[in-house]
Amino acid sequence: MIELDNVSLGYNHRAILHNVSMKAGPGQILGLVGPNGSGKSTLIKGMTRVIDLFSGRILIDGANQRG
């Protein structure tokens, strides 16, 4: 399971996404859709730790991925 708990992130000290929360269980298929510039790639970069979170937690199988 992957869980985002009040995640905020962005670039150069400017938040792009604010307080995003979601859960996805094993075997679930989700789509991430939105217009250009809405933060889809930024969210994926935060989930994969390419960029740091400003706040919140990302949990994979209950383990915090920030530390």
C-alpha atoms as a PDB file:
ATOM      1  CA  MET A   1       0.000   0.000   0.000  1.00  0.00           C
ATOM      2  CA  ILE A   2       1.151   3.558  -0.685  1.00  0.00           C
ATOM      3  CA  GLU A   3      -0.229   6.482   1.283  1.00  0.00           C
ATOM      4  CA  LEU A   4       0.321  10.211   0.925  1.00  0.00           C
ATOM      5  CA  ASP A   5      -0.583  12.122   4.076  1.00  0.00           C
ATOM      6  CA  ASN A   6      -0.903  15.920   3.726  1.00  0.00           C
ATOM      7  CA  VAL A   7       2.023  16.134   1.295  1.00  0.00           C
ATOM      8  CA  SER A   8       3.148  19.588   0.153  1.00  0.00           C
ATOM      9  CA  LEU A   9       5.996  20.010  -2.322  1.00  0.00           C
ATOM     10  CA  GLY A  10       7.390  22.213  -5.037  1.00  0.00           C
ATOM     11  CA  TYR A  11      10.537  23.912  -6.277  1.00  0.00           C
ATOM     12  CA  ASN A  12      12.791  26.740  -5.077  1.00  0.00           C
ATOM     13  CA  HIS A  13      10.887  27.171  -1.800  1.00  0.00           C
ATOM     14  CA  ARG A  14       7.625  27.667  -3.752  1.00  0.00           C
ATOM     15  CA  ALA A  15       4.902  25.131  -3.028  1.00  0.00           C
ATOM     16  CA  ILE A  16       3.217  23.704  -6.128  1.00  0.00           C
ATOM     17  CA  LEU A  17       1.020  21.111  -4.397  1.00  0.00           C
ATOM     18  CA  HIS A  18      -0.577  21.675  -0.995  1.00  0.00           C
ATOM     19  CA  ASN A  19      -1.800  19.022   1.469  1.00  0.00           C
ATOM     20  CA  VAL A  20      -2.278  16.151  -0.989  1.00  0.00           C
ATOM     21  CA  SER A  21      -3.597  12.941   0.602  1.00  0.00           C
ATOM     22  CA  MET A  22      -4.411   9.582  -1.021  1.00  0.00           C
ATOM     23  CA  LYS A  23      -4.221   5.843  -0.451  1.00  0.00           C
ATOM     24  CA  ALA A  24      -3.686   3.052  -2.971  1.00  0.00           C
ATOM     25  CA  GLY A  25      -3.915  -0.574  -1.941  1.00  0.00           C
ATOM     26  CA  PRO A  26      -2.222  -3.639  -3.397  1.00  0.00           C
ATOM     27  CA  GLY A  27      -3.443  -4.445  -6.898  1.00  0.00           C
ATOM     28  CA  GLN A  28      -5.210  -1.102  -7.313  1.00  0.00           C
ATOM     29  CA  ILE A  29      -4.701   0.720 -10.588  1.00  0.00           C
ATOM     30  CA  LEU A  30      -4.919   4.503 -10.454  1.00  0.00           C
ATOM     31  CA  GLY A  31      -4.630   7.237 -13.042  1.00  0.00           C
ATOM     32  CA  LEU A  32      -3.117  10.650 -12.415  1.00  0.00           C
ATOM     33  CA  VAL A  33      -4.745  13.121 -14.783  1.00  0.00           C
ATOM     34  CA  GLY A  34      -4.907  16.884 -15.049  1.00  0.00           C
ATOM     35  CA  PRO A  35      -4.097  19.777 -17.343  1.00  0.00           C
ATOM     36  CA  ASN A  36      -0.571  20.908 -18.201  1.00  0.00           C
ATOM     37  CA  GLY A  37       1.106  22.534 -15.228  1.00  0.00           C
ATOM     38  CA  SER A  38      -1.211  21.029 -12.612  1.00  0.00           C
ATOM     39  CA  GLY A  39       1.559  19.210 -10.702  1.00  0.00           C
ATOM     40  CA  LYS A  40       1.308  15.613 -11.953  1.00  0.00           C
ATOM     41  CA  SER A  41       5.039  15.240 -12.610  1.00  0.00           C
ATOM     42  CA  THR A  42       5.879  17.147  -9.431  1.00  0.00           C
ATOM     43  CA  LEU A  43       3.800  14.700  -7.399  1.00  0.00           C
ATOM     44  CA  ILE A  44       5.539  11.692  -8.982  1.00  0.00           C
ATOM     45  CA  LYS A  45       8.956  13.288  -8.359  1.00  0.00           C
ATOM     46  CA  GLY A  46       8.045  13.730  -4.704  1.00  0.00           C
ATOM     47  CA  MET A  47       6.781  10.159  -4.421  1.00  0.00           C
ATOM     48  CA  THR A  48      10.053   8.844  -5.880  1.00  0.00           C
ATOM     49  CA  ARG A  49      12.186  11.223  -3.750  1.00  0.00           C
ATOM     50  CA  VAL A  50      13.619  13.074  -6.744  1.00  0.00           C
ATOM     51  CA  ILE A  51      12.518  16.267  -4.954  1.00  0.00           C
ATOM     52  CA  ASP A  52      12.068  16.773  -1.218  1.00  0.00           C
ATOM     53  CA  LEU A  53       8.713  17.262   0.459  1.00  0.00           C
ATOM     54  CA  PHE A  54       8.001  20.548   2.229  1.00  0.00           C
ATOM     55  CA  SER A  55       5.703  18.725   4.639  1.00  0.00           C
ATOM     56  CA  GLY A  56       3.657  15.577   5.049  1.00  0.00           C
ATOM     57  CA  ARG A  57       4.472  11.892   4.837  1.00  0.00           C
ATOM     58  CA  ILE A  58       4.756   9.231   2.171  1.00  0.00           C
ATOM     59  CA  LEU A  59       4.235   5.728   3.536  1.00  0.00           C
ATOM     60  CA  ILE A  60       4.900   2.509   1.652  1.00  0.00           C
ATOM     61  CA  ASP A  61       3.553  -0.529   3.465  1.00  0.00           C
ATOM     62  CA  GLY A  62       3.413   1.657   6.586  1.00  0.00           C
ATOM     63  CA  ALA A  63       7.082   2.732   6.469  1.00  0.00           C
ATOM     64  CA  ASN A  64       7.812   6.456   6.236  1.00  0.00           C
ATOM     65  CA  GLN A  65       9.869   7.205   3.099  1.00  0.00           C
ATOM     66  CA  ARG A  66      11.200  10.623   4.150  1.00  0.00           C
ATOM     67  CA  GLY A  67      14.057   9.528   6.379  1.00  0.00           C
END
